[in-house]
Amino acid sequence: MGAVRMYGQACPLAMAMDVLGERWTVLILRELLLGPKRFSEILDRMPSIGPNRLTDRLRSLRSIDVVSKAEPTPEYSLTEFGEGLRIPVIGLGLWGLGLMSDGVDPSTARTDMVALCMTVAIAPGRLAGLALECDVDAGERFSMTVDDGTLRVRSAPSHTTSSTTVSCDAGTFIALSLGNEKPSAASESGRLTVDGDVEAVDHLFVAFAETARRLTSDRWA
């Protein structure tokens, strides 16, 4: 890992932190958990990192087979080994919710990251029987797919003609996800538009809201 300061301990946790403890590394992984990204797309999400440091971090992650870039594709993606970080990294995000004593600010929150956290946080079986392919425009553009009880979130569109579309502003998406507003009320007010499987979208937002209440234990009240 280049000039990174190592813990120098023969301990799995210490070795993991030799990689993840480097500044910006976890946030790069955060972006790739949403699917393959071009260098410029990652940089747009983290402009403060600068292109030289991003190049260095990506090079280091590629050297240990966490990230790949198969030529001639311009996109970076997680390897199978890197995918092993999905639950730990999202788990860190869920833990971080407890540090946000003032709640989630809709003006700065990324709706795709809220949805990504739900992929791990929703209770097993809660989405059983639900089938949904949904393209979302809520400040961020991303897709949500539910199949076989599993929610997946990606930056890319679903690429299916049968997909449902959801349009709303970021504040509305956050309110729906936290249970501060019902989908029916948001639809009636015109702040939420669903073209397709309305019932499935309602089901998903109800599951989001239940999960948020369980996680926050009134921290955002």
Protein backbone atom coordinates (compact mmCIF):
# COMPACT_ATOMS: atom_id res chain seq x y z
CA MET A 1 0.00 0.00 0.00
CA GLY A 2 2.87 2.38 -0.70
CA ALA A 3 3.68 4.91 2.02
CA VAL A 4 0.69 4.00 4.20
CA ARG A 5 1.55 3.63 7.87
CA MET A 6 1.01 0.00 8.81
CA TYR A 7 0.02 -1.35 12.21
CA GLY A 8 2.50 -4.17 11.79
CA GLN A 9 0.37 -6.71 13.65
CA ALA A 10 -0.42 -10.25 12.54
CA CYS A 11 -4.11 -9.66 13.23
CA PRO A 12 -6.91 -9.79 10.63
CA LEU A 13 -8.51 -6.60 11.92
CA ALA A 14 -5.19 -4.74 11.91
CA MET A 15 -4.50 -5.90 8.37
CA ALA A 16 -7.98 -4.79 7.25
CA MET A 17 -7.39 -1.38 8.79
CA ASP A 18 -4.03 -1.13 7.00
CA VAL A 19 -6.23 -0.87 3.90
CA LEU A 20 -9.41 0.81 5.12
CA GLY A 21 -7.75 3.25 7.50
CA GLU A 22 -6.22 5.29 4.71
CA ARG A 23 -8.13 8.53 4.20
CA TRP A 24 -10.71 8.45 1.35
CA THR A 25 -10.43 4.70 0.79
CA VAL A 26 -13.77 3.78 2.37
CA LEU A 27 -15.52 6.57 0.47
CA ILE A 28 -14.11 5.28 -2.81
CA LEU A 29 -15.50 1.87 -1.91
CA ARG A 30 -18.82 3.56 -1.07
CA GLU A 31 -19.07 4.80 -4.63
CA LEU A 32 -18.17 1.45 -6.17
CA LEU A 33 -20.77 -0.35 -4.05
CA LEU A 34 -23.29 1.40 -6.28
CA GLY A 35 -21.70 -0.11 -9.38
CA PRO A 36 -18.80 0.52 -11.75
CA LYS A 37 -17.65 4.14 -12.06
CA ARG A 38 -15.35 6.11 -14.31
CA PHE A 39 -12.48 7.99 -12.68
CA SER A 40 -14.25 11.29 -13.36
CA GLU A 41 -17.47 10.03 -11.76
CA ILE A 42 -15.68 9.09 -8.55
CA LEU A 43 -13.85 12.42 -8.53
CA ASP A 44 -17.12 14.32 -8.98
CA ARG A 45 -18.41 12.73 -5.79
CA MET A 46 -15.28 13.59 -3.82
CA PRO A 47 -13.71 16.69 -5.39
CA SER A 48 -11.61 17.39 -2.29
CA ILE A 49 -9.58 14.23 -2.80
CA GLY A 50 -7.89 15.62 -5.93
CA PRO A 51 -6.99 13.55 -9.01
CA ASN A 52 -3.49 12.59 -7.86
CA ARG A 53 -4.63 11.16 -4.54
CA LEU A 54 -7.54 9.36 -6.17
CA THR A 55 -5.13 7.81 -8.67
CA ASP A 56 -2.93 6.67 -5.80
CA ARG A 57 -5.82 5.16 -3.82
CA LEU A 58 -7.21 3.32 -6.84
CA ARG A 59 -3.76 2.00 -7.69
CA SER A 60 -3.35 0.69 -4.14
CA LEU A 61 -6.77 -0.98 -4.16
CA ARG A 62 -6.03 -2.60 -7.50
CA SER A 63 -2.71 -3.91 -6.19
CA ILE A 64 -4.49 -6.01 -3.56
CA ASP A 65 -7.31 -7.11 -5.89
CA VAL A 66 -10.08 -5.07 -4.23
CA VAL A 67 -10.74 -2.97 -7.33
CA SER A 68 -10.32 -3.88 -10.99
CA LYS A 69 -10.18 -1.97 -14.26
CA ALA A 70 -10.26 -4.35 -17.18
CA GLU A 71 -8.94 -2.71 -20.34
CA PRO A 72 -10.26 -1.17 -22.47
CA THR A 73 -13.17 -0.29 -20.17
CA PRO A 74 -12.82 3.15 -18.54
CA GLU A 75 -14.67 2.01 -15.42
CA TYR A 76 -13.42 0.82 -12.06
CA SER A 77 -15.37 -1.88 -10.25
CA LEU A 78 -15.16 -4.05 -7.17
CA THR A 79 -13.67 -7.50 -7.58
CA GLU A 80 -15.18 -10.57 -5.94
CA PHE A 81 -12.73 -10.01 -3.11
CA GLY A 82 -13.74 -6.35 -2.89
CA GLU A 83 -17.42 -7.31 -2.75
CA GLY A 84 -16.62 -8.89 0.60
CA LEU A 85 -16.50 -5.34 1.97
CA ARG A 86 -20.13 -4.59 1.07
CA ILE A 87 -21.73 -5.50 4.39
CA PRO A 88 -18.90 -4.11 6.58
CA VAL A 89 -18.78 -0.75 4.75
CA ILE A 90 -22.56 -0.29 4.68
CA GLY A 91 -22.61 -1.37 8.32
CA LEU A 92 -20.26 1.51 9.11
CA GLY A 93 -22.72 3.84 7.43
CA LEU A 94 -25.58 2.50 9.50
CA TRP A 95 -23.54 2.89 12.68
CA GLY A 96 -22.75 6.45 11.63
CA LEU A 97 -26.46 7.30 11.66
CA GLY A 98 -26.26 7.24 15.44
CA LEU A 99 -23.73 10.09 15.29
CA MET A 100 -26.11 12.34 13.35
CA SER A 101 -27.86 13.82 16.35
CA ASP A 102 -29.53 16.51 14.23
CA GLY A 103 -30.94 13.97 11.79
CA VAL A 104 -30.51 13.75 8.05
CA ASP A 105 -30.36 17.07 6.20
CA PRO A 106 -32.39 16.64 2.99
CA SER A 107 -30.44 19.46 1.35
CA THR A 108 -27.16 17.54 1.53
CA ALA A 109 -28.19 13.90 1.92
CA ARG A 110 -27.61 11.54 -1.00
CA THR A 111 -30.75 9.58 -1.65
CA ASP A 112 -28.84 6.79 -3.39
CA MET A 113 -26.82 6.26 -0.21
CA VAL A 114 -29.97 6.13 1.90
CA ALA A 115 -31.27 3.40 -0.40
CA LEU A 116 -27.90 1.61 -0.37
CA CYS A 117 -27.92 1.45 3.44
CA MET A 118 -31.37 -0.11 3.29
CA THR A 119 -29.99 -3.03 1.26
CA VAL A 120 -28.30 -4.28 4.42
CA ALA A 121 -30.58 -2.81 7.10
CA ILE A 122 -33.97 -4.17 6.04
CA ALA A 123 -34.89 -7.23 8.09
CA PRO A 124 -34.52 -10.56 6.28
CA GLY A 125 -37.81 -11.64 4.80
CA ARG A 126 -39.38 -8.18 4.94
CA LEU A 127 -39.39 -7.93 1.13
CA ALA A 128 -40.34 -11.55 0.50
CA GLY A 129 -42.72 -11.87 -2.42
CA LEU A 130 -42.03 -8.34 -3.69
CA ALA A 131 -40.78 -7.93 -7.26
CA LEU A 132 -39.76 -4.46 -8.43
CA GLU A 133 -37.50 -2.83 -10.99
CA CYS A 134 -37.48 0.88 -10.32
CA ASP A 135 -35.61 3.84 -11.75
CA VAL A 136 -35.41 6.76 -9.33
CA ASP A 137 -34.90 10.48 -9.93
CA ALA A 138 -34.66 12.01 -6.47
CA GLY A 139 -31.80 14.47 -6.56
CA GLU A 140 -29.70 11.45 -7.55
CA ARG A 141 -30.48 9.07 -10.39
CA PHE A 142 -30.24 5.40 -9.50
CA SER A 143 -32.14 2.14 -9.72
CA MET A 144 -33.67 -0.10 -7.06
CA THR A 145 -34.39 -3.75 -7.79
CA VAL A 146 -36.14 -6.20 -5.49
CA ASP A 147 -35.96 -9.86 -6.41
CA ASP A 148 -36.22 -12.96 -4.23
CA GLY A 149 -36.50 -10.78 -1.13
CA THR A 150 -33.25 -8.92 -1.82
CA LEU A 151 -32.91 -5.19 -2.50
CA ARG A 152 -30.15 -4.01 -4.83
CA VAL A 153 -29.26 -0.38 -5.54
CA ARG A 154 -27.07 0.81 -8.41
CA SER A 155 -26.14 4.12 -9.97
CA ALA A 156 -27.04 2.75 -13.39
CA PRO A 157 -30.62 2.61 -14.70
CA SER A 158 -32.43 -0.72 -14.75
CA HIS A 159 -32.31 -0.93 -18.58
CA THR A 160 -35.68 -2.70 -18.76
CA THR A 161 -38.75 -1.43 -20.58
CA SER A 162 -40.99 -2.76 -17.82
CA SER A 163 -39.34 -0.82 -15.01
CA THR A 164 -41.26 1.51 -12.72
CA THR A 165 -40.13 5.14 -12.43
CA VAL A 166 -40.17 7.22 -9.26
CA SER A 167 -39.67 10.99 -9.31
CA CYS A 168 -39.49 13.30 -6.31
CA ASP A 169 -37.12 15.76 -4.69
CA ALA A 170 -34.50 14.64 -2.18
CA GLY A 171 -36.46 15.97 0.79
CA THR A 172 -39.50 13.92 -0.15
CA PHE A 173 -37.44 10.76 -0.65
CA ILE A 174 -35.83 11.22 2.78
CA ALA A 175 -39.22 11.90 4.42
CA LEU A 176 -40.68 8.76 2.84
CA SER A 177 -37.67 6.66 3.83
CA LEU A 178 -37.80 7.85 7.45
CA GLY A 179 -41.56 7.41 7.70
CA ASN A 180 -42.19 11.12 8.16
CA GLU A 181 -44.60 11.06 5.24
CA LYS A 182 -46.77 8.42 3.58
CA PRO A 183 -46.42 7.72 -0.14
CA SER A 184 -50.13 8.35 -0.67
CA ALA A 185 -49.88 11.84 0.83
CA ALA A 186 -46.77 12.68 -1.20
CA SER A 187 -48.51 11.49 -4.37
CA GLU A 188 -51.65 13.49 -3.66
CA SER A 189 -49.60 16.64 -3.15
CA GLY A 190 -47.78 16.09 -6.44
CA ARG A 191 -44.35 15.80 -4.82
CA LEU A 192 -44.08 12.10 -5.64
CA THR A 193 -44.80 10.66 -9.07
CA VAL A 194 -44.82 6.92 -9.66
CA ASP A 195 -45.21 5.56 -13.17
CA GLY A 196 -45.71 1.83 -12.94
CA ASP A 197 -46.17 -0.47 -9.95
CA VAL A 198 -47.46 1.97 -7.33
CA GLU A 199 -48.29 -0.77 -4.84
CA ALA A 200 -44.76 -2.20 -4.94
CA VAL A 201 -43.20 1.25 -4.46
CA ASP A 202 -45.50 1.90 -1.49
CA HIS A 203 -44.49 -1.47 -0.03
CA LEU A 204 -40.81 -0.62 -0.37
CA PHE A 205 -41.12 2.80 1.25
CA VAL A 206 -43.09 1.30 4.15
CA ALA A 207 -40.25 -1.19 4.64
CA PHE A 208 -37.74 1.69 4.53
CA ALA A 209 -39.72 3.60 7.17
CA GLU A 210 -40.00 0.58 9.48
CA THR A 211 -36.27 0.01 9.17
CA ALA A 212 -35.43 3.65 9.86
CA ARG A 213 -37.55 3.65 13.02
CA ARG A 214 -35.85 0.48 14.22
CA LEU A 215 -32.39 1.88 13.56
CA THR A 216 -32.74 5.35 14.95
CA SER A 217 -34.66 4.71 18.19
CA ASP A 218 -35.90 8.31 18.23
CA ARG A 219 -32.45 9.78 17.49
CA TRP A 220 -33.93 11.79 14.62
CA ALA A 221 -37.10 12.79 16.48
